C-alpha atoms as a PDB file:
ATOM      1  CA  MET A   1       0.054-134.741  38.945  1.00  0.00           C
ATOM      2  CA  GLU A   2      -1.298-132.918  35.918  1.00  0.00           C
ATOM      3  CA  PHE A   3      -5.045-132.391  35.758  1.00  0.00           C
ATOM      4  CA  VAL A   4      -6.317-133.612  32.389  1.00  0.00           C
ATOM      5  CA  GLU A   5      -9.655-132.105  31.451  1.00  0.00           C
ATOM      6  CA  GLY A   6     -11.151-134.495  28.914  1.00  0.00           C
ATOM      7  CA  GLY A   7     -11.850-138.201  28.857  1.00  0.00           C
ATOM      8  CA  SER A   8     -10.367-141.628  28.316  1.00  0.00           C
ATOM      9  CA  LEU A   9     -10.117-143.398  24.977  1.00  0.00           C
ATOM     10  CA  GLN A  10     -12.945-145.575  26.250  1.00  0.00           C
ATOM     11  CA  LEU A  11     -15.233-142.554  26.625  1.00  0.00           C
ATOM     12  CA  ILE A  12     -14.269-141.144  23.222  1.00  0.00           C
ATOM     13  CA  ARG A  13     -14.992-144.489  21.550  1.00  0.00           C
ATOM     14  CA  GLN A  14     -18.329-144.803  23.320  1.00  0.00           C
ATOM     15  CA  ALA A  15     -19.317-141.251  22.398  1.00  0.00           C
ATOM     16  CA  ARG A  16     -18.257-141.826  18.774  1.00  0.00           C
ATOM     17  CA  SER A  17     -16.993-138.243  18.866  1.00  0.00           C
ATOM     18  CA  ALA A  18     -13.925-138.659  16.664  1.00  0.00           C
ATOM     19  CA  SER A  19     -13.568-139.048  12.913  1.00  0.00           C
ATOM     20  CA  PHE A  20     -11.500-141.868  11.434  1.00  0.00           C
ATOM     21  CA  GLU A  21      -8.543-139.505  10.903  1.00  0.00           C
ATOM     22  CA  GLU A  22      -8.834-138.158  14.456  1.00  0.00           C
ATOM     23  CA  LYS A  23      -8.895-141.697  15.832  1.00  0.00           C
ATOM     24  CA  LEU A  24      -5.694-142.563  13.962  1.00  0.00           C
ATOM     25  CA  GLU A  25      -3.992-139.417  15.274  1.00  0.00           C
ATOM     26  CA  ILE A  26      -5.127-140.197  18.831  1.00  0.00           C
ATOM     27  CA  LEU A  27      -3.723-143.720  18.479  1.00  0.00           C
ATOM     28  CA  ALA A  28      -0.496-142.347  16.977  1.00  0.00           C
ATOM     29  CA  GLN A  29      -0.056-140.034  19.987  1.00  0.00           C
ATOM     30  CA  ALA A  30      -0.805-142.925  22.342  1.00  0.00           C
ATOM     31  CA  ALA A  31       1.814-145.019  20.507  1.00  0.00           C
ATOM     32  CA  ASP A  32       4.347-142.195  20.838  1.00  0.00           C
ATOM     33  CA  GLY A  33       3.678-142.005  24.578  1.00  0.00           C
ATOM     34  CA  LEU A  34       4.114-145.727  25.062  1.00  0.00           C
ATOM     35  CA  ALA A  35       7.257-145.610  22.897  1.00  0.00           C
ATOM     36  CA  ALA A  36       8.680-143.040  25.337  1.00  0.00           C
ATOM     37  CA  VAL A  37       7.965-145.383  28.267  1.00  0.00           C
ATOM     38  CA  HIS A  38       9.755-148.221  26.477  1.00  0.00           C
ATOM     39  CA  ALA A  39      12.673-145.951  25.510  1.00  0.00           C
ATOM     40  CA  ALA A  40      13.033-145.054  29.194  1.00  0.00           C
ATOM     41  CA  GLY A  41      13.462-148.764  29.954  1.00  0.00           C
ATOM     42  CA  PHE A  42      10.051-149.685  31.370  1.00  0.00           C
ATOM     43  CA  ILE A  43       7.134-151.989  30.564  1.00  0.00           C
ATOM     44  CA  HIS A  44       3.771-150.403  31.447  1.00  0.00           C
ATOM     45  CA  HIS A  45       1.934-153.718  32.071  1.00  0.00           C
ATOM     46  CA  ASP A  46      -1.585-152.240  31.982  1.00  0.00           C
ATOM     47  CA  ILE A  47      -2.230-150.764  28.547  1.00  0.00           C
ATOM     48  CA  GLY A  48      -5.918-150.262  27.827  1.00  0.00           C
ATOM     49  CA  PRO A  49      -8.355-147.466  26.964  1.00  0.00           C
ATOM     50  CA  LYS A  50      -8.854-146.400  30.572  1.00  0.00           C
ATOM     51  CA  ASN A  51      -5.156-145.541  30.879  1.00  0.00           C
ATOM     52  CA  PHE A  52      -5.019-143.076  27.991  1.00  0.00           C
ATOM     53  CA  LEU A  53      -6.628-139.692  28.575  1.00  0.00           C
ATOM     54  CA  VAL A  54      -7.363-137.190  25.817  1.00  0.00           C
ATOM     55  CA  ASN A  55      -7.564-133.538  26.821  1.00  0.00           C
ATOM     56  CA  ARG A  56      -9.707-130.854  25.213  1.00  0.00           C
ATOM     57  CA  ASP A  57      -6.913-130.065  22.730  1.00  0.00           C
ATOM     58  CA  ARG A  58      -6.893-133.754  21.656  1.00  0.00           C
ATOM     59  CA  GLN A  59      -3.513-134.369  23.272  1.00  0.00           C
ATOM     60  CA  VAL A  60      -3.121-137.909  24.580  1.00  0.00           C
ATOM     61  CA  LYS A  61      -1.682-138.665  28.021  1.00  0.00           C
ATOM     62  CA  LEU A  62      -0.659-142.118  29.278  1.00  0.00           C
ATOM     63  CA  ILE A  63      -1.454-142.660  32.965  1.00  0.00           C
ATOM     64  CA  ASP A  64      -1.416-145.287  35.721  1.00  0.00           C
ATOM     65  CA  PHE A  65       2.121-146.549  36.141  1.00  0.00           C
ATOM     66  CA  GLY A  66       1.202-148.615  39.203  1.00  0.00           C
ATOM     67  CA  LEU A  67       2.093-151.909  37.484  1.00  0.00           C
ATOM     68  CA  ALA A  68       5.043-150.599  35.438  1.00  0.00           C
ATOM     69  CA  VAL A  69       8.299-152.509  35.826  1.00  0.00           C
ATOM     70  CA  PRO A  70      11.854-152.024  34.585  1.00  0.00           C
ATOM     71  CA  ASN A  71      12.517-153.862  31.332  1.00  0.00           C
ATOM     72  CA  THR A  72      15.248-155.987  32.904  1.00  0.00           C
ATOM     73  CA  PRO A  73      15.794-159.759  33.099  1.00  0.00           C
ATOM     74  CA  ALA A  74      14.503-159.908  36.670  1.00  0.00           C
ATOM     75  CA  PHE A  75      11.153-158.416  35.620  1.00  0.00           C
ATOM     76  CA  ARG A  76      10.808-160.371  32.359  1.00  0.00           C
ATOM     77  CA  LYS A  77      10.692-163.737  34.134  1.00  0.00           C
ATOM     78  CA  PRO A  78       7.558-165.871  33.832  1.00  0.00           C
ATOM     79  CA  GLY A  79       4.819-165.638  36.400  1.00  0.00           C
ATOM     80  CA  ASN A  80       4.058-161.931  36.712  1.00  0.00           C
ATOM     81  CA  ARG A  81       0.506-161.924  35.361  1.00  0.00           C
ATOM     82  CA  THR A  82      -0.674-158.393  35.977  1.00  0.00           C
ATOM     83  CA  GLY A  83      -2.808-156.039  33.935  1.00  0.00           C
ATOM     84  CA  THR A  84      -6.350-156.024  32.607  1.00  0.00           C
ATOM     85  CA  LEU A  85      -7.385-159.472  31.397  1.00  0.00           C
ATOM     86  CA  GLN A  86      -9.201-158.286  28.239  1.00  0.00           C
ATOM     87  CA  TYR A  87      -5.952-156.681  26.998  1.00  0.00           C
ATOM     88  CA  MET A  88      -3.451-159.277  28.244  1.00  0.00           C
ATOM     89  CA  ALA A  89      -0.924-160.807  25.845  1.00  0.00           C
ATOM     90  CA  PRO A  90      -0.980-164.593  25.327  1.00  0.00           C
ATOM     91  CA  GLU A  91       2.576-165.043  26.651  1.00  0.00           C
ATOM     92  CA  LEU A  92       1.573-163.275  29.865  1.00  0.00           C
ATOM     93  CA  VAL A  93      -1.451-165.563  30.212  1.00  0.00           C
ATOM     94  CA  ARG A  94       0.755-168.612  29.573  1.00  0.00           C
ATOM     95  CA  ARG A  95       3.234-167.326  32.183  1.00  0.00           C
ATOM     96  CA  GLU A  96       6.119-167.278  29.721  1.00  0.00           C
ATOM     97  CA  PRO A  97       9.019-164.812  29.770  1.00  0.00           C
ATOM     98  CA  THR A  98       7.819-161.357  28.711  1.00  0.00           C
ATOM     99  CA  ASP A  99       9.178-158.121  27.327  1.00  0.00           C
ATOM    100  CA  GLU A 100       7.749-154.858  25.977  1.00  0.00           C
ATOM    101  CA  ARG A 101       5.768-156.831  23.381  1.00  0.00           C
ATOM    102  CA  ILE A 102       3.099-157.474  26.043  1.00  0.00           C
ATOM    103  CA  ASP A 103       2.395-153.730  25.901  1.00  0.00           C
ATOM    104  CA  ILE A 104       2.394-153.857  22.087  1.00  0.00           C
ATOM    105  CA  PHE A 105      -0.231-156.629  22.134  1.00  0.00           C
ATOM    106  CA  SER A 106      -2.355-154.726  24.662  1.00  0.00           C
ATOM    107  CA  PHE A 107      -2.041-151.578  22.559  1.00  0.00           C
ATOM    108  CA  GLY A 108      -3.173-153.578  19.527  1.00  0.00           C
ATOM    109  CA  VAL A 109      -6.265-154.883  21.323  1.00  0.00           C
ATOM    110  CA  MET A 110      -7.061-151.344  22.449  1.00  0.00           C
ATOM    111  CA  ALA A 111      -6.543-149.937  18.925  1.00  0.00           C
ATOM    112  CA  PHE A 112      -8.667-152.724  17.413  1.00  0.00           C
ATOM    113  CA  GLU A 113     -11.467-151.926  19.840  1.00  0.00           C
ATOM    114  CA  PHE A 114     -11.108-148.151  19.349  1.00  0.00           C
ATOM    115  CA  LEU A 115     -11.386-148.480  15.564  1.00  0.00           C
ATOM    116  CA  THR A 116     -13.979-151.276  15.220  1.00  0.00           C
ATOM    117  CA  ASP A 117     -16.053-151.102  18.438  1.00  0.00           C
ATOM    118  CA  LYS A 118     -15.238-154.801  18.895  1.00  0.00           C
ATOM    119  CA  GLN A 119     -12.532-156.724  20.669  1.00  0.00           C
ATOM    120  CA  PRO A 120     -10.399-159.206  18.735  1.00  0.00           C
ATOM    121  CA  TYR A 121     -11.445-161.859  21.241  1.00  0.00           C
ATOM    122  CA  ASP A 122     -14.972-162.487  22.478  1.00  0.00           C
ATOM    123  CA  ALA A 123     -15.187-160.165  25.457  1.00  0.00           C
ATOM    124  CA  SER A 124     -18.725-161.182  26.407  1.00  0.00           C
ATOM    125  CA  SER A 125     -17.592-163.958  28.718  1.00  0.00           C
ATOM    126  CA  ALA A 126     -17.690-163.087  32.392  1.00  0.00           C
ATOM    127  CA  ASN A 127     -15.620-166.200  33.014  1.00  0.00           C
ATOM    128  CA  SER A 128     -11.954-165.232  33.281  1.00  0.00           C
ATOM    129  CA  MET A 129     -10.853-168.803  32.493  1.00  0.00           C
ATOM    130  CA  ALA A 130     -12.755-168.657  29.178  1.00  0.00           C
ATOM    131  CA  VAL A 131     -10.977-165.405  28.318  1.00  0.00           C
ATOM    132  CA  ILE A 132      -7.612-166.981  29.174  1.00  0.00           C
ATOM    133  CA  MET A 133      -8.341-170.041  27.032  1.00  0.00           C
ATOM    134  CA  GLN A 134      -9.289-167.828  24.078  1.00  0.00           C
ATOM    135  CA  ARG A 135      -5.860-166.156  24.195  1.00  0.00           C
ATOM    136  CA  ILE A 136      -4.143-169.533  24.188  1.00  0.00           C
ATOM    137  CA  ASN A 137      -6.287-171.497  21.724  1.00  0.00           C
ATOM    138  CA  GLN A 138      -7.974-169.089  19.309  1.00  0.00           C
ATOM    139  CA  ASP A 139      -6.810-166.681  16.667  1.00  0.00           C
ATOM    140  CA  PRO A 140      -8.134-163.157  17.093  1.00  0.00           C
ATOM    141  CA  LEU A 141     -10.954-161.815  14.961  1.00  0.00           C
ATOM    142  CA  ASP A 142      -9.594-160.422  11.705  1.00  0.00           C
ATOM    143  CA  PRO A 143      -9.935-156.605  11.661  1.00  0.00           C
ATOM    144  CA  ALA A 144     -11.232-156.694   8.068  1.00  0.00           C
ATOM    145  CA  LYS A 145     -14.143-158.848   9.277  1.00  0.00           C
ATOM    146  CA  ALA A 146     -14.741-156.652  12.317  1.00  0.00           C
ATOM    147  CA  ASP A 147     -14.982-153.560  10.083  1.00  0.00           C
ATOM    148  CA  PRO A 148     -14.814-154.103   6.309  1.00  0.00           C
ATOM    149  CA  THR A 149     -14.384-150.332   5.756  1.00  0.00           C
ATOM    150  CA  LEU A 150     -10.913-150.275   7.345  1.00  0.00           C
ATOM    151  CA  PRO A 151      -8.095-149.764   4.819  1.00  0.00           C
ATOM    152  CA  GLU A 152      -6.035-152.917   4.223  1.00  0.00           C
ATOM    153  CA  PRO A 153      -2.745-151.312   5.449  1.00  0.00           C
ATOM    154  CA  LEU A 154      -4.459-150.596   8.772  1.00  0.00           C
ATOM    155  CA  CYS A 155      -5.856-154.139   8.959  1.00  0.00           C
ATOM    156  CA  GLU A 156      -2.369-155.517   8.323  1.00  0.00           C
ATOM    157  CA  LEU A 157      -0.921-153.297  11.058  1.00  0.00           C
ATOM    158  CA  LEU A 158      -3.608-154.414  13.530  1.00  0.00           C
ATOM    159  CA  ARG A 159      -2.934-158.065  12.668  1.00  0.00           C
ATOM    160  CA  LYS A 160       0.742-157.564  13.514  1.00  0.00           C
ATOM    161  CA  LEU A 161      -0.048-155.779  16.771  1.00  0.00           C
ATOM    162  CA  ILE A 162      -2.307-158.593  18.032  1.00  0.00           C
ATOM    163  CA  ALA A 163      -0.341-161.544  16.710  1.00  0.00           C
ATOM    164  CA  ARG A 164      -0.599-164.400  19.216  1.00  0.00           C
ATOM    165  CA  ARG A 165       3.073-165.315  18.833  1.00  0.00           C
ATOM    166  CA  LYS A 166       5.279-162.494  20.082  1.00  0.00           C
ATOM    167  CA  GLU A 167       7.865-163.350  17.416  1.00  0.00           C
ATOM    168  CA  GLU A 168       5.305-162.397  14.749  1.00  0.00           C
ATOM    169  CA  ARG A 169       4.194-159.229  16.535  1.00  0.00           C
ATOM    170  CA  TRP A 170       5.049-155.655  15.623  1.00  0.00           C
ATOM    171  CA  ARG A 171       8.629-155.220  16.831  1.00  0.00           C
ATOM    172  CA  ALA A 172       8.721-151.890  18.675  1.00  0.00           C
ATOM    173  CA  MET A 173       6.517-148.952  19.609  1.00  0.00           C
ATOM    174  CA  ALA A 174       9.154-146.493  18.356  1.00  0.00           C
ATOM    175  CA  ASN A 175       7.881-146.467  14.760  1.00  0.00           C
ATOM    176  CA  LEU A 176       4.203-147.238  15.308  1.00  0.00           C
ATOM    177  CA  GLY A 177       3.036-143.612  15.573  1.00  0.00           C
ATOM    178  CA  GLU A 178       4.611-142.850  12.213  1.00  0.00           C
ATOM    179  CA  ALA A 179       3.033-145.966  10.682  1.00  0.00           C
ATOM    180  CA  LEU A 180      -0.410-144.919  11.944  1.00  0.00           C
ATOM    181  CA  ARG A 181       0.045-141.382  10.597  1.00  0.00           C
ATOM    182  CA  SER A 182       1.014-142.726   7.167  1.00  0.00           C
ATOM    183  CA  ILE A 183      -2.291-144.606   7.027  1.00  0.00           C
ATOM    184  CA  THR A 184      -4.109-141.355   7.794  1.00  0.00           C
ATOM    185  CA  ALA A 185      -2.488-139.822   4.730  1.00  0.00           C
ATOM    186  CA  GLN A 186      -3.717-142.690   2.551  1.00  0.00           C
ATOM    187  CA  GLY A 187      -7.328-141.983   3.384  1.00  0.00           C
ATOM    188  CA  ARG A 188     -10.160-144.420   3.821  1.00  0.00           C
END
């Protein structure tokens, strides 16, 4: 396994060591990595800041494939509720059939947190049932309210990534990196 000298997205966010443009590029690289996993026919099942490492050259690496499953009918059946609760998609919580959009939702929660220092759902509850009920019954915090300085195109992208209904969610990781990079070019 490759040794990655650096830190996780969680550590970078906590250290506030990246500019807005750098954060978008880090997220774009993370999106590209997850797109490669999906293109290879897998669902990661545990997308969150602890599973993306950033090396000293600001290259992003996706790790921890312990919960990854093939994106096949047998593995998209309801009932497989694995991953980190704070980043779990509503359909996973409701034990509905899943697909790669569970990773897209988790990526959206992670990106929201990375850019705003807040989660789209109240993460202060230590009660896992309360967290589950939030995913089912509440709309996420609007990114424009979490950070009014975010450009509207980025807020719109985040809204699509964390849409509660998977049918309304961003469709595929394949073009997300490019979308994030185009926001970088627009400035803040």
